[in-house]
N, C-alpha and C. Protein backbone atom coordinates (compact mmCIF):
# COMPACT_ATOMS: atom_id res chain seq x y z
N MET A 1 2.39 4.18 -22.71
CA MET A 1 1.30 4.09 -22.15
C MET A 1 0.25 4.14 -21.81
N SER A 2 -0.33 3.19 -21.44
CA SER A 2 -2.06 3.27 -21.89
C SER A 2 -2.14 4.37 -20.78
N HIS A 3 -3.50 4.71 -21.09
CA HIS A 3 -4.47 5.30 -20.28
C HIS A 3 -4.84 5.16 -19.37
N PRO A 4 -4.81 5.08 -18.12
CA PRO A 4 -5.03 4.61 -16.54
C PRO A 4 -6.78 4.04 -16.52
N LEU A 5 -7.53 5.13 -17.94
CA LEU A 5 -8.78 4.97 -17.31
C LEU A 5 -9.34 4.14 -18.70
N GLU A 6 -8.82 3.18 -19.93
CA GLU A 6 -8.69 2.42 -20.67
C GLU A 6 -9.68 1.49 -20.71
N LEU A 7 -9.80 0.95 -19.46
CA LEU A 7 -10.43 -0.33 -19.57
C LEU A 7 -11.81 0.26 -19.43
N PHE A 8 -12.51 1.50 -18.78
CA PHE A 8 -13.50 1.99 -18.37
C PHE A 8 -14.19 2.77 -20.28
N ARG A 9 -14.69 1.99 -20.43
CA ARG A 9 -15.52 2.32 -22.47
C ARG A 9 -16.70 2.81 -22.04
N PHE A 10 -17.65 3.08 -20.89
CA PHE A 10 -18.64 3.65 -21.05
C PHE A 10 -18.84 4.51 -19.81
N CYS A 11 -19.42 5.83 -19.89
CA CYS A 11 -20.17 6.36 -18.37
C CYS A 11 -20.39 6.13 -17.60
N PRO A 12 -20.23 5.94 -16.11
CA PRO A 12 -20.89 5.75 -15.27
C PRO A 12 -22.07 6.21 -14.90
N VAL A 13 -22.63 7.27 -15.45
CA VAL A 13 -23.14 8.51 -15.26
C VAL A 13 -24.82 7.84 -15.97
N CYS A 14 -24.40 8.39 -17.12
CA CYS A 14 -25.30 7.67 -18.34
C CYS A 14 -25.40 6.43 -19.20
N GLY A 15 -23.71 5.73 -19.39
CA GLY A 15 -23.93 5.04 -19.88
C GLY A 15 -23.32 4.87 -21.38
N SER A 16 -23.34 6.38 -21.70
CA SER A 16 -23.09 6.22 -23.13
C SER A 16 -21.44 5.79 -23.46
N ASN A 17 -21.59 5.47 -24.61
CA ASN A 17 -20.10 4.92 -25.01
C ASN A 17 -19.47 6.05 -25.76
N LYS A 18 -19.45 6.93 -25.60
CA LYS A 18 -18.90 8.36 -26.02
C LYS A 18 -18.07 8.61 -24.89
N PHE A 19 -17.14 7.54 -23.82
CA PHE A 19 -16.38 8.27 -22.92
C PHE A 19 -15.40 8.25 -23.62
N ILE A 20 -14.56 9.66 -23.86
CA ILE A 20 -12.95 9.80 -24.30
C ILE A 20 -12.15 10.42 -23.40
N GLU A 21 -11.16 9.84 -23.96
CA GLU A 21 -10.22 10.78 -22.73
C GLU A 21 -9.91 11.65 -22.75
N ASN A 22 -10.40 12.69 -22.15
CA ASN A 22 -10.23 13.96 -21.59
C ASN A 22 -8.34 14.54 -21.24
N ASN A 23 -7.67 14.06 -20.45
CA ASN A 23 -6.63 14.15 -20.60
C ASN A 23 -5.80 13.21 -19.90
N ASN A 24 -4.34 13.26 -19.36
CA ASN A 24 -3.77 12.03 -18.94
C ASN A 24 -4.23 11.08 -17.52
N GLN A 25 -4.91 12.07 -17.06
CA GLN A 25 -5.46 11.38 -15.91
C GLN A 25 -6.97 11.63 -15.60
N SER A 26 -8.01 11.94 -16.80
CA SER A 26 -9.87 11.45 -16.72
C SER A 26 -10.11 11.27 -18.11
N LYS A 27 -11.41 10.92 -17.83
CA LYS A 27 -12.42 10.97 -19.03
C LYS A 27 -13.52 11.53 -18.89
N ARG A 28 -14.11 12.07 -20.23
CA ARG A 28 -15.10 12.72 -20.02
C ARG A 28 -16.24 12.18 -21.18
N CYS A 29 -17.24 12.49 -20.65
CA CYS A 29 -18.51 11.91 -21.21
C CYS A 29 -18.76 12.75 -22.17
N GLU A 30 -18.79 12.77 -23.84
CA GLU A 30 -19.63 13.36 -24.58
C GLU A 30 -21.00 13.46 -24.85
N THR A 31 -21.63 12.98 -24.08
CA THR A 31 -23.04 13.02 -24.26
C THR A 31 -23.61 13.73 -22.68
N CYS A 32 -23.10 13.21 -21.85
CA CYS A 32 -23.53 14.06 -20.69
C CYS A 32 -22.32 15.07 -19.69
N GLY A 33 -21.36 14.83 -20.03
CA GLY A 33 -20.03 15.91 -19.71
C GLY A 33 -19.76 15.56 -18.96
N PHE A 34 -20.04 14.43 -17.74
CA PHE A 34 -19.18 13.61 -16.57
C PHE A 34 -17.94 13.65 -16.62
N ILE A 35 -17.10 14.07 -15.90
CA ILE A 35 -15.74 13.63 -16.04
C ILE A 35 -15.04 12.88 -14.87
N ASP A 36 -14.38 12.25 -15.33
CA ASP A 36 -14.04 11.15 -14.31
C ASP A 36 -12.80 11.29 -13.94
N TYR A 37 -11.88 11.17 -13.19
CA TYR A 37 -10.30 11.72 -12.68
C TYR A 37 -10.58 10.16 -11.96
N ILE A 38 -8.89 10.03 -12.44
CA ILE A 38 -8.53 8.79 -11.51
C ILE A 38 -7.59 9.05 -10.68
N ASN A 39 -7.42 9.26 -9.31
CA ASN A 39 -6.98 9.59 -8.14
C ASN A 39 -6.44 8.70 -7.56
N PRO A 40 -5.38 9.10 -6.98
CA PRO A 40 -4.42 8.21 -5.90
C PRO A 40 -5.67 7.60 -4.62
N LYS A 41 -4.92 6.03 -4.83
CA LYS A 41 -6.01 5.27 -3.69
C LYS A 41 -5.22 5.62 -2.17
N ALA A 42 -5.80 5.51 -1.42
CA ALA A 42 -5.07 5.58 0.14
C ALA A 42 -4.39 4.72 0.48
N ALA A 43 -3.46 4.18 0.59
CA ALA A 43 -2.89 3.02 1.31
C ALA A 43 -2.15 3.32 2.32
N VAL A 44 -1.51 2.56 3.68
CA VAL A 44 -0.50 2.45 4.26
C VAL A 44 0.27 1.50 4.47
N VAL A 45 1.69 1.84 5.28
CA VAL A 45 2.50 0.93 5.35
C VAL A 45 2.90 0.96 7.14
N ALA A 46 3.07 0.30 7.70
CA ALA A 46 3.10 -0.23 8.89
C ALA A 46 5.24 -0.53 9.42
N VAL A 47 6.04 0.18 9.50
CA VAL A 47 7.16 0.25 9.98
C VAL A 47 7.18 0.01 11.78
N ILE A 48 7.50 -0.90 11.88
CA ILE A 48 7.27 -2.01 13.39
C ILE A 48 8.81 -2.43 13.51
N THR A 49 9.29 -1.43 14.42
CA THR A 49 11.14 -2.23 14.71
C THR A 49 10.56 -3.06 16.50
N ASN A 50 11.61 -4.01 16.50
CA ASN A 50 11.35 -4.71 18.09
C ASN A 50 12.49 -3.95 18.62
N THR A 51 12.88 -4.35 20.10
CA THR A 51 14.07 -3.96 20.48
C THR A 51 15.27 -4.07 20.50
N LYS A 52 15.78 -4.79 19.06
CA LYS A 52 17.20 -4.53 18.92
C LYS A 52 17.34 -3.93 17.32
N GLY A 53 16.25 -3.17 17.66
CA GLY A 53 15.79 -2.41 16.47
C GLY A 53 15.42 -2.58 15.05
N ASP A 54 15.25 -4.39 14.88
CA ASP A 54 15.20 -5.45 13.71
C ASP A 54 13.70 -4.49 13.34
N ILE A 55 12.97 -4.77 11.70
CA ILE A 55 12.35 -4.29 11.37
C ILE A 55 11.39 -5.61 11.04
N LEU A 56 10.17 -5.66 11.33
CA LEU A 56 8.82 -6.60 10.57
C LEU A 56 8.81 -6.74 9.45
N VAL A 57 8.93 -8.03 8.83
CA VAL A 57 9.23 -8.07 7.27
C VAL A 57 7.54 -8.82 7.24
N CYS A 58 6.88 -9.01 6.17
CA CYS A 58 5.90 -9.74 5.56
C CYS A 58 6.37 -10.94 4.25
N ARG A 59 6.07 -12.19 4.00
CA ARG A 59 5.97 -12.51 2.73
C ARG A 59 4.84 -12.61 2.05
N ARG A 60 4.73 -11.93 0.81
CA ARG A 60 3.17 -11.84 0.44
C ARG A 60 2.26 -13.27 0.25
N ALA A 61 1.43 -13.32 0.17
CA ALA A 61 0.32 -14.58 0.14
C ALA A 61 0.31 -14.78 -1.53
N LYS A 62 -0.36 -13.40 -1.71
CA LYS A 62 -1.27 -13.42 -2.79
C LYS A 62 -0.66 -12.40 -3.71
N ASP A 63 -0.69 -12.38 -5.39
CA ASP A 63 -0.82 -11.52 -6.14
C ASP A 63 -1.22 -9.98 -5.77
N PRO A 64 -0.47 -8.92 -6.63
CA PRO A 64 0.02 -8.95 -7.00
C PRO A 64 2.00 -8.84 -6.25
N ALA A 65 2.80 -9.34 -7.02
CA ALA A 65 4.15 -10.10 -5.88
C ALA A 65 3.78 -10.65 -4.96
N LYS A 66 3.23 -12.13 -4.94
CA LYS A 66 3.56 -13.00 -4.43
C LYS A 66 4.95 -13.59 -4.72
N GLY A 67 5.00 -14.27 -2.68
CA GLY A 67 6.27 -14.35 -2.55
C GLY A 67 7.74 -13.44 -2.21
N THR A 68 7.04 -12.13 -2.45
CA THR A 68 8.04 -11.89 -2.38
C THR A 68 7.84 -10.57 -0.76
N LEU A 69 8.87 -10.29 -0.48
CA LEU A 69 8.99 -9.45 1.13
C LEU A 69 8.04 -8.07 1.09
N ASP A 70 6.90 -8.24 2.04
CA ASP A 70 6.83 -6.87 2.21
C ASP A 70 6.51 -6.08 3.71
N MET A 71 5.72 -5.42 3.78
CA MET A 71 5.78 -4.69 5.05
C MET A 71 4.67 -4.60 5.48
N PRO A 72 3.35 -4.74 6.41
CA PRO A 72 2.10 -4.96 6.73
C PRO A 72 1.37 -3.37 6.71
N GLY A 73 0.04 -3.53 6.09
CA GLY A 73 -0.30 -2.49 5.55
C GLY A 73 -1.66 -3.03 4.55
N GLY A 74 -1.94 -1.97 3.88
CA GLY A 74 -3.46 -2.22 2.71
C GLY A 74 -4.03 -1.05 2.76
N PHE A 75 -5.10 -1.04 1.99
CA PHE A 75 -5.85 0.22 1.63
C PHE A 75 -6.66 0.65 3.14
N THR A 76 -7.05 2.06 3.06
CA THR A 76 -7.88 2.70 3.85
C THR A 76 -9.00 2.13 3.16
N ASP A 77 -10.00 2.02 4.43
CA ASP A 77 -11.47 1.74 3.92
C ASP A 77 -12.37 2.80 3.87
N LEU A 78 -13.54 2.86 3.04
CA LEU A 78 -14.34 3.89 3.15
C LEU A 78 -14.55 4.47 4.55
N ASN A 79 -14.32 5.94 4.82
CA ASN A 79 -14.44 7.21 6.58
C ASN A 79 -14.08 6.62 7.49
N GLU A 80 -12.69 5.83 6.83
CA GLU A 80 -11.41 5.81 7.76
C GLU A 80 -10.37 6.36 7.85
N THR A 81 -9.74 6.70 8.60
CA THR A 81 -8.33 7.77 9.06
C THR A 81 -6.87 6.92 8.51
N ALA A 82 -6.01 7.10 7.60
CA ALA A 82 -5.19 6.25 7.72
C ALA A 82 -4.32 5.80 8.85
N GLU A 83 -4.62 6.83 10.15
CA GLU A 83 -3.80 5.66 11.09
C GLU A 83 -4.81 4.68 11.63
N GLU A 84 -6.48 4.71 11.66
CA GLU A 84 -7.19 3.91 11.93
C GLU A 84 -7.02 2.73 11.31
N ALA A 85 -6.25 2.93 9.88
CA ALA A 85 -6.13 1.45 8.77
C ALA A 85 -5.20 1.26 8.82
N VAL A 86 -3.98 1.81 9.16
CA VAL A 86 -2.65 1.31 9.61
C VAL A 86 -2.66 0.11 10.76
N ILE A 87 -3.85 0.34 11.81
CA ILE A 87 -3.41 -0.17 13.23
C ILE A 87 -4.60 -1.23 12.93
N ARG A 88 -5.32 -1.29 11.90
CA ARG A 88 -6.81 -2.06 11.34
C ARG A 88 -6.16 -3.23 10.86
N GLU A 89 -4.88 -2.78 9.61
CA GLU A 89 -4.21 -4.09 8.34
C GLU A 89 -2.64 -4.35 9.66
N VAL A 90 -2.38 -3.97 10.54
CA VAL A 90 -1.76 -4.26 11.16
C VAL A 90 -2.26 -5.65 12.23
N LYS A 91 -3.52 -5.63 12.27
CA LYS A 91 -4.11 -6.26 13.26
C LYS A 91 -4.29 -7.58 12.50
N GLU A 92 -5.13 -7.33 10.87
CA GLU A 92 -5.70 -8.47 10.29
C GLU A 92 -4.36 -8.47 9.84
N GLU A 93 -3.27 -8.56 9.76
CA GLU A 93 -1.98 -9.22 8.97
C GLU A 93 -1.08 -10.41 9.70
N THR A 94 -1.31 -9.54 10.93
CA THR A 94 0.09 -10.24 12.26
C THR A 94 -0.40 -10.57 13.41
N GLY A 95 -1.73 -9.58 13.74
CA GLY A 95 -2.51 -9.95 15.15
C GLY A 95 -2.10 -9.31 15.71
N LEU A 96 -0.59 -8.23 15.87
CA LEU A 96 -0.40 -7.22 16.72
C LEU A 96 -1.34 -6.25 16.93
N THR A 97 -1.05 -5.73 18.24
CA THR A 97 -1.55 -4.76 18.75
C THR A 97 -0.73 -2.98 18.44
N VAL A 98 -1.11 -2.50 18.12
CA VAL A 98 -0.83 -1.16 17.52
C VAL A 98 -0.94 -0.25 18.37
N THR A 99 -0.28 0.60 19.11
CA THR A 99 -0.86 1.23 20.59
C THR A 99 -0.29 3.08 20.38
N ALA A 100 0.41 3.13 18.78
CA ALA A 100 0.50 4.37 18.97
C ALA A 100 1.29 4.32 17.41
N THR A 101 1.06 5.56 16.74
CA THR A 101 1.83 5.83 15.02
C THR A 101 2.20 7.07 15.10
N ARG A 102 2.89 7.22 13.97
CA ARG A 102 3.92 8.53 13.60
C ARG A 102 3.58 8.34 11.89
N TYR A 103 2.85 9.64 11.45
CA TYR A 103 3.55 9.25 10.22
C TYR A 103 5.07 9.99 9.87
N LEU A 104 5.39 9.31 9.03
CA LEU A 104 6.78 9.35 8.25
C LEU A 104 6.80 9.79 7.06
N PHE A 105 6.29 9.24 6.10
CA PHE A 105 6.42 9.84 4.45
C PHE A 105 5.73 9.43 3.64
N SER A 106 5.52 9.83 2.56
CA SER A 106 4.52 8.97 1.19
C SER A 106 4.91 8.45 0.31
N LEU A 107 4.93 8.09 -0.57
CA LEU A 107 5.55 7.32 -1.36
C LEU A 107 4.39 7.15 -2.71
N PRO A 108 4.20 7.57 -3.62
CA PRO A 108 3.48 7.55 -5.23
C PRO A 108 3.51 6.16 -5.01
N ASN A 109 2.89 4.85 -5.99
CA ASN A 109 2.85 3.26 -6.46
C ASN A 109 1.68 3.21 -7.18
N THR A 110 2.36 2.00 -8.02
CA THR A 110 0.88 1.68 -8.55
C THR A 110 1.09 -0.05 -8.38
N TYR A 111 -0.61 -0.29 -8.22
CA TYR A 111 -0.81 -1.85 -7.60
C TYR A 111 -1.44 -2.05 -8.54
N LYS A 112 -1.10 -3.47 -8.94
CA LYS A 112 -1.95 -4.11 -10.31
C LYS A 112 -3.06 -5.07 -8.94
N TYR A 113 -4.48 -4.51 -9.86
CA TYR A 113 -5.51 -5.15 -8.84
C TYR A 113 -6.97 -5.54 -10.07
N SER A 114 -7.17 -7.06 -10.18
CA SER A 114 -8.07 -7.49 -11.26
C SER A 114 -7.52 -6.91 -12.31
N GLY A 115 -6.41 -6.71 -12.92
CA GLY A 115 -6.14 -6.22 -14.55
C GLY A 115 -5.83 -5.10 -14.03
N LEU A 116 -6.12 -4.37 -13.23
CA LEU A 116 -6.35 -2.61 -13.76
C LEU A 116 -4.71 -2.19 -12.56
N ASN A 117 -3.81 -1.14 -13.08
CA ASN A 117 -2.58 -0.28 -12.63
C ASN A 117 -3.79 0.76 -12.01
N VAL A 118 -3.78 0.44 -10.34
CA VAL A 118 -4.29 1.52 -9.68
C VAL A 118 -3.22 2.41 -9.21
N PRO A 119 -3.44 3.63 -9.18
CA PRO A 119 -2.12 4.46 -8.71
C PRO A 119 -2.99 4.43 -7.30
N THR A 120 -1.42 4.46 -6.34
CA THR A 120 -1.71 4.57 -5.15
C THR A 120 -0.77 5.69 -4.49
N MET A 121 -0.97 5.82 -3.09
CA MET A 121 -0.47 6.88 -2.41
C MET A 121 0.10 6.27 -1.06
N ASP A 122 0.96 5.77 -1.38
CA ASP A 122 1.31 4.75 0.75
C ASP A 122 2.01 6.06 1.37
N LEU A 123 1.22 5.58 2.43
CA LEU A 123 1.65 6.47 3.29
C LEU A 123 1.49 5.46 4.69
N PHE A 124 3.10 6.12 4.78
CA PHE A 124 4.13 5.60 5.89
C PHE A 124 4.20 5.71 7.74
N PHE A 125 3.85 4.39 7.98
CA PHE A 125 3.87 5.37 9.76
C PHE A 125 4.60 4.01 10.35
N GLU A 126 5.40 4.93 11.25
CA GLU A 126 5.99 4.34 12.27
C GLU A 126 5.26 3.75 13.07
N CYS A 127 5.08 2.26 13.71
CA CYS A 127 4.07 2.13 15.01
C CYS A 127 4.37 1.25 16.13
N ASP A 128 4.08 1.94 17.16
CA ASP A 128 4.29 0.87 18.54
C ASP A 128 3.48 0.12 18.03
N VAL A 129 3.91 -0.96 18.99
CA VAL A 129 3.16 -2.68 19.16
C VAL A 129 3.10 -2.74 20.58
N LEU A 130 2.40 -3.53 21.46
CA LEU A 130 1.78 -4.02 22.69
C LEU A 130 2.88 -4.87 23.20
N GLU A 131 3.42 -5.30 22.14
CA GLU A 131 4.43 -6.67 22.13
C GLU A 131 4.76 -6.99 20.59
N THR A 132 6.18 -7.67 20.70
CA THR A 132 6.06 -8.44 19.73
C THR A 132 6.23 -9.64 19.24
N SER A 133 6.11 -10.14 20.45
CA SER A 133 6.12 -11.79 20.28
C SER A 133 4.98 -12.79 19.95
N GLY A 134 3.40 -12.19 19.65
CA GLY A 134 2.26 -12.97 19.22
C GLY A 134 2.49 -12.65 17.92
N ILE A 135 3.41 -12.42 16.83
CA ILE A 135 3.10 -12.26 15.68
C ILE A 135 2.74 -13.65 14.91
N THR A 136 1.49 -13.53 14.25
CA THR A 136 0.91 -14.20 13.51
C THR A 136 0.05 -14.27 12.19
N ALA A 137 0.81 -14.62 11.23
CA ALA A 137 0.73 -14.58 9.91
C ALA A 137 -1.18 -15.09 9.21
N GLN A 138 -1.51 -13.67 9.11
CA GLN A 138 -2.72 -13.83 8.87
C GLN A 138 -3.36 -13.29 7.87
N ASP A 139 -4.33 -13.59 6.81
CA ASP A 139 -5.31 -12.87 5.44
C ASP A 139 -4.19 -12.50 4.56
N ASP A 140 -3.34 -11.59 4.01
CA ASP A 140 -2.76 -12.19 2.91
C ASP A 140 -0.90 -12.21 3.14
N VAL A 141 -1.27 -12.33 4.11
CA VAL A 141 0.34 -12.30 4.49
C VAL A 141 0.58 -14.21 4.82
N ALA A 142 1.87 -14.58 4.49
CA ALA A 142 2.29 -16.03 4.58
C ALA A 142 3.08 -16.12 5.43
N GLU A 143 3.91 -15.23 5.78
CA GLU A 143 4.71 -15.28 7.10
C GLU A 143 5.40 -13.81 7.22
N ALA A 144 5.57 -13.84 8.72
CA ALA A 144 5.95 -12.71 9.58
C ALA A 144 7.49 -13.05 10.20
N TRP A 145 8.56 -12.07 10.22
CA TRP A 145 9.06 -12.15 11.08
C TRP A 145 10.03 -10.52 11.15
N PHE A 146 10.94 -10.31 12.69
CA PHE A 146 11.67 -9.27 12.09
C PHE A 146 12.84 -9.69 11.73
N ILE A 147 13.55 -8.85 10.98
CA ILE A 147 15.19 -9.12 10.33
C ILE A 147 16.21 -7.99 10.59
N PRO A 148 17.27 -7.78 10.90
CA PRO A 148 18.10 -7.01 11.51
C PRO A 148 18.03 -5.94 9.96
N GLN A 149 18.33 -4.88 10.25
CA GLN A 149 18.14 -3.67 8.91
C GLN A 149 19.27 -4.10 8.19
N ASN A 150 20.54 -4.55 8.29
CA ASN A 150 21.28 -4.21 7.85
C ASN A 150 21.86 -6.07 6.88
N GLU A 151 20.59 -6.86 7.43
CA GLU A 151 20.86 -8.13 6.55
C GLU A 151 19.24 -7.82 5.85
N ILE A 152 18.52 -6.87 5.41
CA ILE A 152 17.42 -6.13 4.36
C ILE A 152 18.13 -6.16 3.27
N ASP A 153 17.47 -6.51 2.29
CA ASP A 153 17.71 -6.30 0.77
C ASP A 153 16.51 -5.25 -0.20
N PRO A 154 16.59 -4.13 -0.37
CA PRO A 154 14.99 -3.98 -0.73
C PRO A 154 14.58 -4.68 -1.87
N SER A 155 15.84 -4.76 -2.68
CA SER A 155 15.18 -5.73 -3.46
C SER A 155 14.06 -7.06 -4.33
N GLN A 156 14.62 -7.26 -2.75
CA GLN A 156 13.85 -8.82 -2.06
C GLN A 156 12.14 -8.15 -1.77
N PHE A 157 11.70 -7.05 -2.27
CA PHE A 157 10.60 -6.59 -1.78
C PHE A 157 9.94 -6.66 -3.39
N GLY A 158 8.36 -6.81 -3.50
CA GLY A 158 8.05 -6.79 -4.57
C GLY A 158 7.52 -5.53 -4.88
N LEU A 159 6.69 -4.73 -4.44
CA LEU A 159 6.36 -3.44 -4.74
C LEU A 159 7.30 -2.42 -4.34
N THR A 160 7.05 -1.60 -6.06
CA THR A 160 8.08 -0.57 -5.83
C THR A 160 7.73 0.52 -4.82
N SER A 161 6.93 0.88 -4.33
CA SER A 161 7.19 1.93 -3.20
C SER A 161 7.51 1.27 -2.02
N ILE A 162 7.64 0.00 -1.67
CA ILE A 162 7.92 -1.01 -0.78
C ILE A 162 8.98 -0.90 -0.54
N GLN A 163 9.65 -1.35 -1.74
CA GLN A 163 11.24 -1.30 -1.66
C GLN A 163 11.96 0.22 -1.59
N LYS A 164 11.38 1.49 -2.29
CA LYS A 164 11.76 2.94 -2.05
C LYS A 164 12.00 3.41 -0.18
N GLY A 165 10.39 2.79 0.12
CA GLY A 165 10.37 3.28 1.45
C GLY A 165 11.49 2.08 2.68
N ILE A 166 11.87 1.23 2.26
CA ILE A 166 12.73 0.36 3.44
C ILE A 166 14.04 1.48 2.84
N GLN A 167 14.34 1.47 1.59
CA GLN A 167 15.83 2.50 1.23
C GLN A 167 15.69 3.18 2.63
N ARG A 168 14.99 4.26 2.17
CA ARG A 168 14.69 5.39 2.85
C ARG A 168 14.46 5.15 4.59
N ILE A 169 14.10 4.37 4.85
CA ILE A 169 13.97 3.74 6.40
C ILE A 169 15.00 3.38 6.79
N ILE A 170 15.81 2.61 6.39
CA ILE A 170 17.35 2.21 6.60
C ILE A 170 18.25 3.12 6.77
N LYS A 171 18.13 4.30 5.40
CA LYS A 171 18.89 5.51 5.43
C LYS A 171 19.16 6.57 6.51
N ASP A 172 17.53 6.58 6.95
CA ASP A 172 17.44 7.40 7.76
C ASP A 172 17.79 6.89 9.43
N LYS A 173 17.41 5.91 9.58
CA LYS A 173 18.24 4.88 10.69
C LYS A 173 19.67 5.22 11.25
N GLU A 174 20.54 5.18 9.85
CA GLU A 174 22.22 5.39 10.07
C GLU A 174 22.21 6.46 10.16
N LYS A 175 21.34 7.40 10.21
CA LYS A 175 22.05 9.00 10.43
C LYS A 175 21.77 8.95 11.95
């Protein structure tokens, strides 16, 4: 496996080309001593159900995993809480208004972006919405709809953490 910072060849502080692997998650500049750690980026996932207990799924409109199933969500913005991010992402991708969030669990993931494997920490939230009738696929979502839990095939979800997350959600709901 390649180093997560292999594409970064120059020190971002002094510009030196003596930017070497320090350990499996960092690089160190031999010129100025700066150490750059690659830490997971925070991402959020919304788990939304309707009155029948069906789960809201989306079809990805863009890579990575274009055309596969997903759940509403995305990266947190600078100075934004995870709760604010999940509310914003649901609105941007589905048009739905989140009225309450409850943290469920987290899963590590790797997200391919601009040719770089970005490590993420995906935070799953159960979300209540104002109403479920006004779903509109927007932003990076090609379509969105509710699907009965017993019809969900985790292998149709394109991102590993979402596959694992949907398996866990279904398993927890069966208890």
